[in-house]
Amino acid sequence: MFGRPKKLKRIPSNIISYVQIEAEDIKDTNDKQMLAHYAHAKLELIDFYIAALDDKKYEVPHSREYLQNLQRDLTAVLKQIMSKPAPNSSSSSWNVKVDYPDEWKG
């Protein structure tokens, strides 16, 4: 328990394809923001794993090359997502219709 390096969980390689597929289904700016947040969170995790490779407190289940490739690919997908305008970004996505009574004068 003491003195043993903590084993970190594997980062699946399907993160890239997941983000790409979800990027094709962006409906509004909220979807875009949530997907960008997810990608940034995974990039932070990858950055931590790369830093942990040189730290004896952690046992990283990936090679530096694997992590750097994952980081490069995820960054490229994130740039693609951020460069595309979100659908309905120029118009309101609320689309609230209020039916007032005929006698209402406002």
Protein backbone atom coordinates (compact mmCIF):
# COMPACT_ATOMS: atom_id res chain seq x y z
CA MET A 1 0.00 0.00 0.00
CA PHE A 2 2.70 2.48 0.97
CA GLY A 3 5.54 3.09 -1.43
CA ARG A 4 3.81 1.39 -4.34
CA PRO A 5 3.01 3.51 -7.37
CA LYS A 6 -0.66 4.21 -7.99
CA LYS A 7 -1.94 2.49 -11.14
CA LEU A 8 -3.75 4.89 -13.44
CA LYS A 9 -6.68 3.79 -15.60
CA ARG A 10 -6.24 3.27 -19.32
CA ILE A 11 -7.39 6.01 -21.66
CA PRO A 12 -9.34 4.37 -24.49
CA SER A 13 -8.33 5.18 -28.03
CA ASN A 14 -11.96 5.52 -29.10
CA ILE A 15 -12.13 9.02 -27.59
CA ILE A 16 -11.16 10.49 -30.96
CA SER A 17 -13.88 8.69 -32.91
CA TYR A 18 -16.44 9.47 -30.19
CA VAL A 19 -15.71 13.21 -30.41
CA GLN A 20 -15.76 13.10 -34.23
CA ILE A 21 -19.13 11.34 -34.30
CA GLU A 22 -20.63 13.70 -31.73
CA ALA A 23 -19.27 16.68 -33.68
CA GLU A 24 -21.36 15.62 -36.67
CA ASP A 25 -24.50 15.79 -34.52
CA ILE A 26 -24.02 19.27 -33.04
CA LYS A 27 -27.42 20.97 -33.02
CA ASP A 28 -26.65 24.25 -31.23
CA THR A 29 -24.05 26.16 -29.27
CA ASN A 30 -24.83 24.19 -26.11
CA ASP A 31 -23.90 20.93 -27.86
CA LYS A 32 -20.74 22.55 -29.18
CA GLN A 33 -19.80 23.83 -25.73
CA MET A 34 -20.41 20.48 -24.03
CA LEU A 35 -18.36 18.61 -26.63
CA ALA A 36 -15.53 21.14 -26.40
CA HIS A 37 -15.58 20.82 -22.60
CA TYR A 38 -15.41 17.01 -22.87
CA ALA A 39 -12.46 17.23 -25.28
CA HIS A 40 -10.64 19.72 -23.04
CA ALA A 41 -11.17 17.47 -20.01
CA LYS A 42 -9.67 14.52 -21.88
CA LEU A 43 -6.74 16.69 -23.03
CA GLU A 44 -6.08 17.67 -19.40
CA LEU A 45 -6.11 14.00 -18.43
CA ILE A 46 -3.67 13.18 -21.23
CA ASP A 47 -1.41 16.05 -20.13
CA PHE A 48 -1.46 14.68 -16.58
CA TYR A 49 -0.55 11.18 -17.80
CA ILE A 50 2.34 12.55 -19.85
CA ALA A 51 3.64 14.41 -16.80
CA ALA A 52 3.11 11.31 -14.64
CA LEU A 53 5.38 9.23 -16.88
CA ASP A 54 8.36 10.86 -15.17
CA ASP A 55 6.84 10.65 -11.69
CA LYS A 56 7.53 7.53 -9.65
CA LYS A 57 4.24 7.92 -7.74
CA TYR A 58 2.21 6.72 -10.72
CA GLU A 59 2.17 3.72 -12.99
CA VAL A 60 0.96 4.88 -16.40
CA PRO A 61 -0.47 2.11 -18.63
CA HIS A 62 0.50 3.91 -21.85
CA SER A 63 3.66 4.85 -23.66
CA ARG A 64 4.65 8.48 -24.20
CA GLU A 65 4.17 7.97 -27.95
CA TYR A 66 0.60 6.69 -27.51
CA LEU A 67 -0.31 9.64 -25.29
CA GLN A 68 1.28 12.20 -27.60
CA ASN A 69 -0.53 10.74 -30.62
CA LEU A 70 -3.82 10.82 -28.72
CA GLN A 71 -3.12 14.40 -27.66
CA ARG A 72 -2.28 15.48 -31.21
CA ASP A 73 -5.35 13.81 -32.73
CA LEU A 74 -7.75 15.12 -30.09
CA THR A 75 -6.36 18.64 -30.44
CA ALA A 76 -6.89 18.47 -34.22
CA VAL A 77 -10.51 17.33 -33.79
CA LEU A 78 -11.11 20.07 -31.22
CA LYS A 79 -9.78 22.69 -33.65
CA GLN A 80 -12.18 21.39 -36.31
CA ILE A 81 -15.10 21.62 -33.90
CA MET A 82 -14.22 25.15 -32.83
CA SER A 83 -13.75 26.37 -36.39
CA LYS A 84 -17.26 25.33 -37.49
CA PRO A 85 -20.16 27.60 -36.61
CA ALA A 86 -22.84 25.88 -34.58
CA PRO A 87 -26.18 25.41 -36.34
CA ASN A 88 -28.76 28.00 -35.29
CA SER A 89 -26.01 30.11 -33.74
CA SER A 90 -27.20 33.24 -35.55
CA SER A 91 -30.82 32.84 -34.54
CA SER A 92 -32.40 32.29 -31.19
CA SER A 93 -32.71 28.66 -30.18
CA TRP A 94 -35.44 29.41 -27.64
CA ASN A 95 -38.36 29.59 -30.10
CA VAL A 96 -40.89 30.48 -27.42
CA LYS A 97 -44.40 31.11 -28.70
CA VAL A 98 -46.84 32.74 -26.35
CA ASP A 99 -50.54 32.79 -27.11
CA TYR A 100 -52.16 35.80 -25.45
CA PRO A 101 -55.90 36.10 -24.98
CA ASP A 102 -57.68 38.28 -27.55
CA GLU A 103 -58.74 40.79 -24.92
CA TRP A 104 -55.19 41.26 -23.60
CA LYS A 105 -53.66 44.61 -24.48
CA GLY A 106 -49.98 44.73 -23.72
